[in-house]
Amino acid sequence: MSPSPRTRSRVEQALRQSALPALRKLAVAETDAEVVLTGSVSSYYLKQLAQETVMPVLGERELFNRVLVVQQTNGR
């Protein structure tokens, strides 16, 4: 079974349609059996929202949420 471009397209589209700019910047990779989210966000809440955003369009694939939570500094 080869990766489905339609699944990846649906996952990417779900993220791109988010009202949150941080989610629109995340990357999507896939194999035959999984979808992997990568990138970084500023809170665990945004990481969880990314996961919840794509879950409905995964189909049979397993999700690996490898999004990093990176604290942003004020430059002080």
C-alpha atoms as a PDB file:
ATOM      1  CA  MET A   1       0.000   0.000   0.000  1.00  0.00           C
ATOM      2  CA  SER A   2       1.485   3.346  -0.998  1.00  0.00           C
ATOM      3  CA  PRO A   3       0.960   6.645   0.827  1.00  0.00           C
ATOM      4  CA  SER A   4      -2.249   8.350  -0.152  1.00  0.00           C
ATOM      5  CA  PRO A   5      -1.772  11.901  -1.457  1.00  0.00           C
ATOM      6  CA  ARG A   6      -5.461  12.474  -0.727  1.00  0.00           C
ATOM      7  CA  THR A   7      -4.958  11.700   2.988  1.00  0.00           C
ATOM      8  CA  ARG A   8      -1.967  14.007   3.185  1.00  0.00           C
ATOM      9  CA  SER A   9      -3.870  16.640   1.286  1.00  0.00           C
ATOM     10  CA  ARG A  10      -6.791  16.418   3.722  1.00  0.00           C
ATOM     11  CA  VAL A  11      -4.477  16.624   6.740  1.00  0.00           C
ATOM     12  CA  GLU A  12      -2.618  19.614   5.319  1.00  0.00           C
ATOM     13  CA  GLN A  13      -5.869  21.279   4.331  1.00  0.00           C
ATOM     14  CA  ALA A  14      -7.275  20.863   7.852  1.00  0.00           C
ATOM     15  CA  LEU A  15      -4.211  22.614   9.279  1.00  0.00           C
ATOM     16  CA  ARG A  16      -4.164  25.339   6.608  1.00  0.00           C
ATOM     17  CA  GLN A  17      -7.813  26.175   7.317  1.00  0.00           C
ATOM     18  CA  SER A  18      -7.104  26.764  11.001  1.00  0.00           C
ATOM     19  CA  ALA A  19      -7.657  30.260  12.341  1.00  0.00           C
ATOM     20  CA  LEU A  20      -4.384  29.845  14.240  1.00  0.00           C
ATOM     21  CA  PRO A  21      -1.275  30.857  12.244  1.00  0.00           C
ATOM     22  CA  ALA A  22       0.943  28.503  14.280  1.00  0.00           C
ATOM     23  CA  LEU A  23      -1.017  25.466  13.054  1.00  0.00           C
ATOM     24  CA  ARG A  24      -0.849  26.576   9.428  1.00  0.00           C
ATOM     25  CA  LYS A  25       2.970  26.435   9.615  1.00  0.00           C
ATOM     26  CA  LEU A  26       3.229  22.802  10.739  1.00  0.00           C
ATOM     27  CA  ALA A  27       4.620  20.170   8.377  1.00  0.00           C
ATOM     28  CA  VAL A  28       2.927  16.889   7.466  1.00  0.00           C
ATOM     29  CA  ALA A  29       4.800  13.717   6.481  1.00  0.00           C
ATOM     30  CA  GLU A  30       3.401  10.255   5.932  1.00  0.00           C
ATOM     31  CA  THR A  31       4.167   6.624   5.325  1.00  0.00           C
ATOM     32  CA  ASP A  32       1.886   3.742   4.469  1.00  0.00           C
ATOM     33  CA  ALA A  33       0.519   3.550   8.001  1.00  0.00           C
ATOM     34  CA  GLU A  34       1.145   6.861   9.700  1.00  0.00           C
ATOM     35  CA  VAL A  35       0.902  10.618   9.558  1.00  0.00           C
ATOM     36  CA  VAL A  36       3.587  12.650  11.316  1.00  0.00           C
ATOM     37  CA  LEU A  37       3.154  16.263  12.372  1.00  0.00           C
ATOM     38  CA  THR A  38       6.346  18.280  12.868  1.00  0.00           C
ATOM     39  CA  GLY A  39       7.228  21.876  13.543  1.00  0.00           C
ATOM     40  CA  SER A  40       7.000  24.038  16.630  1.00  0.00           C
ATOM     41  CA  VAL A  41       4.371  25.931  18.577  1.00  0.00           C
ATOM     42  CA  SER A  42       4.510  28.142  21.659  1.00  0.00           C
ATOM     43  CA  SER A  43       2.307  26.049  23.986  1.00  0.00           C
ATOM     44  CA  TYR A  44       1.141  22.538  24.752  1.00  0.00           C
ATOM     45  CA  TYR A  45      -2.383  23.766  24.098  1.00  0.00           C
ATOM     46  CA  LEU A  46      -1.494  24.560  20.457  1.00  0.00           C
ATOM     47  CA  LYS A  47       0.190  21.158  20.123  1.00  0.00           C
ATOM     48  CA  GLN A  48      -3.006  19.478  21.306  1.00  0.00           C
ATOM     49  CA  LEU A  49      -5.137  21.638  18.990  1.00  0.00           C
ATOM     50  CA  ALA A  50      -3.002  20.559  16.035  1.00  0.00           C
ATOM     51  CA  GLN A  51      -3.637  16.925  16.909  1.00  0.00           C
ATOM     52  CA  GLU A  52      -7.371  17.435  17.381  1.00  0.00           C
ATOM     53  CA  THR A  53      -7.571  19.344  14.092  1.00  0.00           C
ATOM     54  CA  VAL A  54      -6.223  16.455  12.008  1.00  0.00           C
ATOM     55  CA  MET A  55      -7.713  13.455  13.823  1.00  0.00           C
ATOM     56  CA  PRO A  56     -11.018  13.532  11.898  1.00  0.00           C
ATOM     57  CA  VAL A  57      -9.262  13.236   8.507  1.00  0.00           C
ATOM     58  CA  LEU A  58      -6.639  10.558   9.269  1.00  0.00           C
ATOM     59  CA  GLY A  59      -8.575   7.581   8.020  1.00  0.00           C
ATOM     60  CA  GLU A  60      -6.850   4.295   8.972  1.00  0.00           C
ATOM     61  CA  ARG A  61      -3.467   5.869   9.685  1.00  0.00           C
ATOM     62  CA  GLU A  62      -1.852   6.383  13.073  1.00  0.00           C
ATOM     63  CA  LEU A  63      -0.922   9.922  14.114  1.00  0.00           C
ATOM     64  CA  PHE A  64       2.481  10.812  15.535  1.00  0.00           C
ATOM     65  CA  ASN A  65       2.475  14.319  16.966  1.00  0.00           C
ATOM     66  CA  ARG A  66       6.153  15.337  16.957  1.00  0.00           C
ATOM     67  CA  VAL A  67       5.425  19.040  17.258  1.00  0.00           C
ATOM     68  CA  LEU A  68       7.854  20.755  19.627  1.00  0.00           C
ATOM     69  CA  VAL A  69       6.735  23.241  22.244  1.00  0.00           C
ATOM     70  CA  VAL A  70       9.199  26.121  22.247  1.00  0.00           C
ATOM     71  CA  GLN A  71       8.901  28.883  24.801  1.00  0.00           C
ATOM     72  CA  GLN A  72       9.175  32.267  23.154  1.00  0.00           C
ATOM     73  CA  THR A  73      11.353  34.848  24.849  1.00  0.00           C
ATOM     74  CA  ASN A  74      10.798  38.588  25.037  1.00  0.00           C
ATOM     75  CA  GLY A  75      14.420  39.264  24.115  1.00  0.00           C
ATOM     76  CA  ARG A  76      15.346  40.240  27.683  1.00  0.00           C
END
